[in-house]
Amino acid sequence: MILKIIKGFKEKSNIKYLNKILESRNTNVNDKKIKTLGIIFCIDEMKDFEIFRDLATAINVRPNQLKFIAYTESIEDAPNFWDTYYHSDDFGWNGKIKNVELQSFLDTKFDALISYYEKDVLELKLLTTSSKAQFKIGIQQTDERLNDFILKTKINEFYLFKRELVRYLNILKKI
């Protein structure tokens, strides 16, 4: 019972932190070309992360300029093919990240960040919000304040997402 109460207070502190960051967020979209790319996705929703490599190639991002963050809600169900994944234990109070590798990803100033998840999970939102990426791209989510550019596609419509993203990035002169 006590653990549930503490977990509830922790979640409220993280929600408060998330809202504070989103309210003070300043979007500054420019026409700088995308050379570095970060991708946040949920393993529970999408197992095939190789399709993101194809997407990176389509927008002219070199493999050594591409980094992933894989999140799972359940440690027990995490696939063994993925070396590093993150879960709720890597998050502390007030948006504090307890994992050095995860914090390093968030501190990287990517030219673009793709948040490819549909689940309404606080930790995924914290990752997107805490990233220092210049241009944040996402699919339809419950909170549209998370991203600068949203393609209203479903999680299982990746090829539509890829096609439309390439098209719009060309229009915006980002590739």
C-alpha atoms as a PDB file:
ATOM      1  CA  MET A   1       0.000   0.000   0.000  1.00  0.00           C
ATOM      2  CA  ILE A   2       2.769   2.441   0.958  1.00  0.00           C
ATOM      3  CA  LEU A   3       4.668   1.648  -2.269  1.00  0.00           C
ATOM      4  CA  LYS A   4       1.554   2.444  -4.313  1.00  0.00           C
ATOM      5  CA  ILE A   5       1.194   5.804  -2.591  1.00  0.00           C
ATOM      6  CA  ILE A   6       4.870   6.656  -3.149  1.00  0.00           C
ATOM      7  CA  LYS A   7       4.601   5.580  -6.798  1.00  0.00           C
ATOM      8  CA  GLY A   8       1.559   7.855  -7.186  1.00  0.00           C
ATOM      9  CA  PHE A   9       3.460  10.835  -5.724  1.00  0.00           C
ATOM     10  CA  LYS A  10       6.416  10.089  -8.017  1.00  0.00           C
ATOM     11  CA  GLU A  11       4.119   9.998 -11.043  1.00  0.00           C
ATOM     12  CA  LYS A  12       2.498  13.305 -10.038  1.00  0.00           C
ATOM     13  CA  SER A  13       5.928  14.927  -9.675  1.00  0.00           C
ATOM     14  CA  ASN A  14       6.893  13.702 -13.158  1.00  0.00           C
ATOM     15  CA  ILE A  15       3.624  14.936 -14.671  1.00  0.00           C
ATOM     16  CA  LYS A  16       4.189  18.340 -13.070  1.00  0.00           C
ATOM     17  CA  TYR A  17       7.750  18.389 -14.473  1.00  0.00           C
ATOM     18  CA  LEU A  18       6.497  17.372 -17.939  1.00  0.00           C
ATOM     19  CA  ASN A  19       3.869  20.125 -18.006  1.00  0.00           C
ATOM     20  CA  LYS A  20       6.401  22.715 -16.801  1.00  0.00           C
ATOM     21  CA  ILE A  21       8.803  21.807 -19.638  1.00  0.00           C
ATOM     22  CA  LEU A  22       6.026  21.779 -22.254  1.00  0.00           C
ATOM     23  CA  GLU A  23       4.686  25.162 -21.134  1.00  0.00           C
ATOM     24  CA  SER A  24       8.110  26.790 -21.348  1.00  0.00           C
ATOM     25  CA  ARG A  25       9.062  25.044 -24.601  1.00  0.00           C
ATOM     26  CA  ASN A  26      10.131  27.369 -27.379  1.00  0.00           C
ATOM     27  CA  THR A  27       9.819  25.928 -30.867  1.00  0.00           C
ATOM     28  CA  ASN A  28      12.370  27.219 -33.307  1.00  0.00           C
ATOM     29  CA  VAL A  29      11.945  25.437 -36.622  1.00  0.00           C
ATOM     30  CA  ASN A  30      14.530  26.363 -39.224  1.00  0.00           C
ATOM     31  CA  ASP A  31      15.641  24.986 -42.583  1.00  0.00           C
ATOM     32  CA  LYS A  32      18.818  23.359 -41.280  1.00  0.00           C
ATOM     33  CA  LYS A  33      19.456  20.029 -43.012  1.00  0.00           C
ATOM     34  CA  ILE A  34      18.979  16.874 -40.945  1.00  0.00           C
ATOM     35  CA  LYS A  35      22.321  15.149 -40.465  1.00  0.00           C
ATOM     36  CA  THR A  36      21.819  13.560 -37.028  1.00  0.00           C
ATOM     37  CA  LEU A  37      18.734  11.631 -35.987  1.00  0.00           C
ATOM     38  CA  GLY A  38      17.476  10.229 -32.708  1.00  0.00           C
ATOM     39  CA  ILE A  39      14.582   7.784 -32.525  1.00  0.00           C
ATOM     40  CA  ILE A  40      12.442   6.934 -29.510  1.00  0.00           C
ATOM     41  CA  PHE A  41      10.143   3.952 -29.810  1.00  0.00           C
ATOM     42  CA  CYS A  42       8.302   1.471 -27.612  1.00  0.00           C
ATOM     43  CA  ILE A  43       9.378  -2.159 -28.016  1.00  0.00           C
ATOM     44  CA  ASP A  44       5.959  -3.215 -26.750  1.00  0.00           C
ATOM     45  CA  GLU A  45       4.342  -1.609 -29.834  1.00  0.00           C
ATOM     46  CA  MET A  46       6.978  -2.216 -32.459  1.00  0.00           C
ATOM     47  CA  LYS A  47       9.565  -4.979 -32.567  1.00  0.00           C
ATOM     48  CA  ASP A  48      11.222  -4.242 -35.936  1.00  0.00           C
ATOM     49  CA  PHE A  49      13.609  -1.361 -35.366  1.00  0.00           C
ATOM     50  CA  GLU A  50      15.467  -2.057 -38.647  1.00  0.00           C
ATOM     51  CA  ILE A  51      12.821  -0.107 -40.569  1.00  0.00           C
ATOM     52  CA  PHE A  52      14.134   3.021 -38.857  1.00  0.00           C
ATOM     53  CA  ARG A  53      17.512   2.439 -40.498  1.00  0.00           C
ATOM     54  CA  ASP A  54      15.746   2.496 -43.889  1.00  0.00           C
ATOM     55  CA  LEU A  55      14.030   5.724 -42.895  1.00  0.00           C
ATOM     56  CA  ALA A  56      17.366   7.269 -41.900  1.00  0.00           C
ATOM     57  CA  THR A  57      18.817   6.294 -45.271  1.00  0.00           C
ATOM     58  CA  ALA A  58      15.809   7.838 -47.034  1.00  0.00           C
ATOM     59  CA  ILE A  59      16.455  11.182 -45.327  1.00  0.00           C
ATOM     60  CA  ASN A  60      20.233  11.019 -45.914  1.00  0.00           C
ATOM     61  CA  VAL A  61      21.323  10.325 -42.335  1.00  0.00           C
ATOM     62  CA  ARG A  62      24.468   8.211 -42.093  1.00  0.00           C
ATOM     63  CA  PRO A  63      24.303   5.087 -39.921  1.00  0.00           C
ATOM     64  CA  ASN A  64      26.858   6.509 -37.465  1.00  0.00           C
ATOM     65  CA  GLN A  65      24.634   9.593 -36.998  1.00  0.00           C
ATOM     66  CA  LEU A  66      21.580   7.542 -35.977  1.00  0.00           C
ATOM     67  CA  LYS A  67      20.766   6.582 -32.377  1.00  0.00           C
ATOM     68  CA  PHE A  68      17.829   4.706 -30.859  1.00  0.00           C
ATOM     69  CA  ILE A  69      16.083   4.593 -27.534  1.00  0.00           C
ATOM     70  CA  ALA A  70      13.925   1.552 -26.934  1.00  0.00           C
ATOM     71  CA  TYR A  71      11.424   1.674 -24.075  1.00  0.00           C
ATOM     72  CA  THR A  72       9.441  -1.165 -22.534  1.00  0.00           C
ATOM     73  CA  GLU A  73       6.845  -1.119 -19.802  1.00  0.00           C
ATOM     74  CA  SER A  74       7.685  -4.638 -18.657  1.00  0.00           C
ATOM     75  CA  ILE A  75      11.231  -5.817 -17.978  1.00  0.00           C
ATOM     76  CA  GLU A  76      10.118  -9.451 -18.038  1.00  0.00           C
ATOM     77  CA  ASP A  77       8.657  -9.138 -21.548  1.00  0.00           C
ATOM     78  CA  ALA A  78      11.620  -7.239 -23.003  1.00  0.00           C
ATOM     79  CA  PRO A  79      12.998  -8.985 -26.068  1.00  0.00           C
ATOM     80  CA  ASN A  80      16.450 -10.489 -25.879  1.00  0.00           C
ATOM     81  CA  PHE A  81      17.467  -9.213 -29.336  1.00  0.00           C
ATOM     82  CA  TRP A  82      17.738  -5.632 -28.101  1.00  0.00           C
ATOM     83  CA  ASP A  83      20.906  -4.850 -26.139  1.00  0.00           C
ATOM     84  CA  THR A  84      19.786  -1.784 -24.258  1.00  0.00           C
ATOM     85  CA  TYR A  85      16.272  -0.805 -23.385  1.00  0.00           C
ATOM     86  CA  TYR A  86      14.797   1.460 -20.767  1.00  0.00           C
ATOM     87  CA  HIS A  87      11.826   1.235 -18.449  1.00  0.00           C
ATOM     88  CA  SER A  88      10.196   3.108 -15.590  1.00  0.00           C
ATOM     89  CA  ASP A  89      12.986   2.175 -13.135  1.00  0.00           C
ATOM     90  CA  ASP A  90      15.317   4.500 -15.083  1.00  0.00           C
ATOM     91  CA  PHE A  91      13.225   7.530 -14.084  1.00  0.00           C
ATOM     92  CA  GLY A  92      13.249   9.247 -10.719  1.00  0.00           C
ATOM     93  CA  TRP A  93      11.274  12.101  -9.228  1.00  0.00           C
ATOM     94  CA  ASN A  94      10.705  15.426 -11.049  1.00  0.00           C
ATOM     95  CA  GLY A  95      11.820  14.072 -14.422  1.00  0.00           C
ATOM     96  CA  LYS A  96      15.224  12.964 -13.132  1.00  0.00           C
ATOM     97  CA  ILE A  97      16.892  10.356 -15.342  1.00  0.00           C
ATOM     98  CA  LYS A  98      18.785   7.720 -13.353  1.00  0.00           C
ATOM     99  CA  ASN A  99      20.538   6.048 -16.301  1.00  0.00           C
ATOM    100  CA  VAL A 100      23.758   7.603 -17.678  1.00  0.00           C
ATOM    101  CA  GLU A 101      23.315   6.221 -21.226  1.00  0.00           C
ATOM    102  CA  LEU A 102      19.749   7.456 -21.378  1.00  0.00           C
ATOM    103  CA  GLN A 103      20.772  10.907 -20.143  1.00  0.00           C
ATOM    104  CA  SER A 104      23.542  11.012 -22.754  1.00  0.00           C
ATOM    105  CA  PHE A 105      20.977  10.330 -25.506  1.00  0.00           C
ATOM    106  CA  LEU A 106      18.703  13.084 -24.199  1.00  0.00           C
ATOM    107  CA  ASP A 107      21.587  15.585 -24.010  1.00  0.00           C
ATOM    108  CA  THR A 108      22.559  14.964 -27.651  1.00  0.00           C
ATOM    109  CA  LYS A 109      21.512  17.879 -29.849  1.00  0.00           C
ATOM    110  CA  PHE A 110      20.102  15.867 -32.732  1.00  0.00           C
ATOM    111  CA  ASP A 111      19.004  17.764 -35.813  1.00  0.00           C
ATOM    112  CA  ALA A 112      15.781  15.734 -35.590  1.00  0.00           C
ATOM    113  CA  LEU A 113      14.099  13.372 -33.150  1.00  0.00           C
ATOM    114  CA  ILE A 114      11.399  10.914 -34.166  1.00  0.00           C
ATOM    115  CA  SER A 115       9.058   9.795 -31.380  1.00  0.00           C
ATOM    116  CA  TYR A 116       7.381   6.749 -32.875  1.00  0.00           C
ATOM    117  CA  TYR A 117       4.911   5.503 -30.295  1.00  0.00           C
ATOM    118  CA  GLU A 118       1.171   5.693 -29.679  1.00  0.00           C
ATOM    119  CA  LYS A 119       0.950   4.538 -26.076  1.00  0.00           C
ATOM    120  CA  ASP A 120       0.120   7.206 -23.562  1.00  0.00           C
ATOM    121  CA  VAL A 121       3.065   6.437 -21.264  1.00  0.00           C
ATOM    122  CA  LEU A 122       4.482   9.162 -19.040  1.00  0.00           C
ATOM    123  CA  GLU A 123       8.073   7.946 -19.420  1.00  0.00           C
ATOM    124  CA  LEU A 124       7.893   8.099 -23.225  1.00  0.00           C
ATOM    125  CA  LYS A 125       6.564  11.643 -23.016  1.00  0.00           C
ATOM    126  CA  LEU A 126       9.385  12.558 -20.636  1.00  0.00           C
ATOM    127  CA  LEU A 127      11.936  11.199 -23.106  1.00  0.00           C
ATOM    128  CA  THR A 128      10.509  13.238 -25.975  1.00  0.00           C
ATOM    129  CA  THR A 129      10.186  16.381 -23.897  1.00  0.00           C
ATOM    130  CA  SER A 130      13.631  16.095 -22.289  1.00  0.00           C
ATOM    131  CA  SER A 131      15.470  15.584 -25.565  1.00  0.00           C
ATOM    132  CA  LYS A 132      17.651  18.472 -26.716  1.00  0.00           C
ATOM    133  CA  ALA A 133      16.790  17.727 -30.366  1.00  0.00           C
ATOM    134  CA  GLN A 134      16.266  20.725 -32.654  1.00  0.00           C
ATOM    135  CA  PHE A 135      13.212  19.401 -34.534  1.00  0.00           C
ATOM    136  CA  LYS A 136      10.820  16.883 -32.961  1.00  0.00           C
ATOM    137  CA  ILE A 137       8.697  14.675 -35.193  1.00  0.00           C
ATOM    138  CA  GLY A 138       5.968  12.310 -34.065  1.00  0.00           C
ATOM    139  CA  ILE A 139       2.868  10.396 -34.954  1.00  0.00           C
ATOM    140  CA  GLN A 140      -0.569  11.157 -33.571  1.00  0.00           C
ATOM    141  CA  GLN A 141      -0.395  11.093 -29.790  1.00  0.00           C
ATOM    142  CA  THR A 142      -2.590  12.259 -26.953  1.00  0.00           C
ATOM    143  CA  ASP A 143      -0.489  15.380 -26.296  1.00  0.00           C
ATOM    144  CA  GLU A 144       0.294  17.378 -29.421  1.00  0.00           C
ATOM    145  CA  ARG A 145       2.616  19.715 -27.482  1.00  0.00           C
ATOM    146  CA  LEU A 146       5.347  17.049 -27.536  1.00  0.00           C
ATOM    147  CA  ASN A 147       6.400  17.483 -31.164  1.00  0.00           C
ATOM    148  CA  ASP A 148       7.044  20.268 -33.652  1.00  0.00           C
ATOM    149  CA  PHE A 149       5.755  18.231 -36.589  1.00  0.00           C
ATOM    150  CA  ILE A 150       3.080  15.526 -36.391  1.00  0.00           C
ATOM    151  CA  LEU A 151       2.059  13.072 -39.067  1.00  0.00           C
ATOM    152  CA  LYS A 152      -1.346  11.713 -38.157  1.00  0.00           C
ATOM    153  CA  THR A 153      -0.662   8.074 -38.908  1.00  0.00           C
ATOM    154  CA  LYS A 154      -1.114   4.938 -36.845  1.00  0.00           C
ATOM    155  CA  ILE A 155       1.776   2.910 -35.453  1.00  0.00           C
ATOM    156  CA  ASN A 156       1.201   0.128 -38.004  1.00  0.00           C
ATOM    157  CA  GLU A 157       1.316   2.563 -40.963  1.00  0.00           C
ATOM    158  CA  PHE A 158       5.087   2.995 -40.953  1.00  0.00           C
ATOM    159  CA  TYR A 159       5.557   3.044 -44.713  1.00  0.00           C
ATOM    160  CA  LEU A 160       2.920   5.759 -45.048  1.00  0.00           C
ATOM    161  CA  PHE A 161       4.686   7.669 -42.270  1.00  0.00           C
ATOM    162  CA  LYS A 162       8.044   7.269 -44.034  1.00  0.00           C
ATOM    163  CA  ARG A 163       6.698   8.388 -47.423  1.00  0.00           C
ATOM    164  CA  GLU A 164       4.929  11.435 -45.999  1.00  0.00           C
ATOM    165  CA  LEU A 165       7.858  12.381 -43.779  1.00  0.00           C
ATOM    166  CA  VAL A 166      10.288  12.355 -46.709  1.00  0.00           C
ATOM    167  CA  ARG A 167       7.834  14.415 -48.740  1.00  0.00           C
ATOM    168  CA  TYR A 168       7.350  17.060 -46.040  1.00  0.00           C
ATOM    169  CA  LEU A 169      11.029  17.224 -45.112  1.00  0.00           C
ATOM    170  CA  ASN A 170      11.770  17.985 -48.769  1.00  0.00           C
ATOM    171  CA  ILE A 171       9.134  20.742 -48.741  1.00  0.00           C
ATOM    172  CA  LEU A 172      10.648  22.164 -45.525  1.00  0.00           C
ATOM    173  CA  LYS A 173      14.145  21.912 -47.105  1.00  0.00           C
ATOM    174  CA  LYS A 174      15.336  19.706 -44.236  1.00  0.00           C
ATOM    175  CA  ILE A 175      16.778  17.053 -46.593  1.00  0.00           C
END
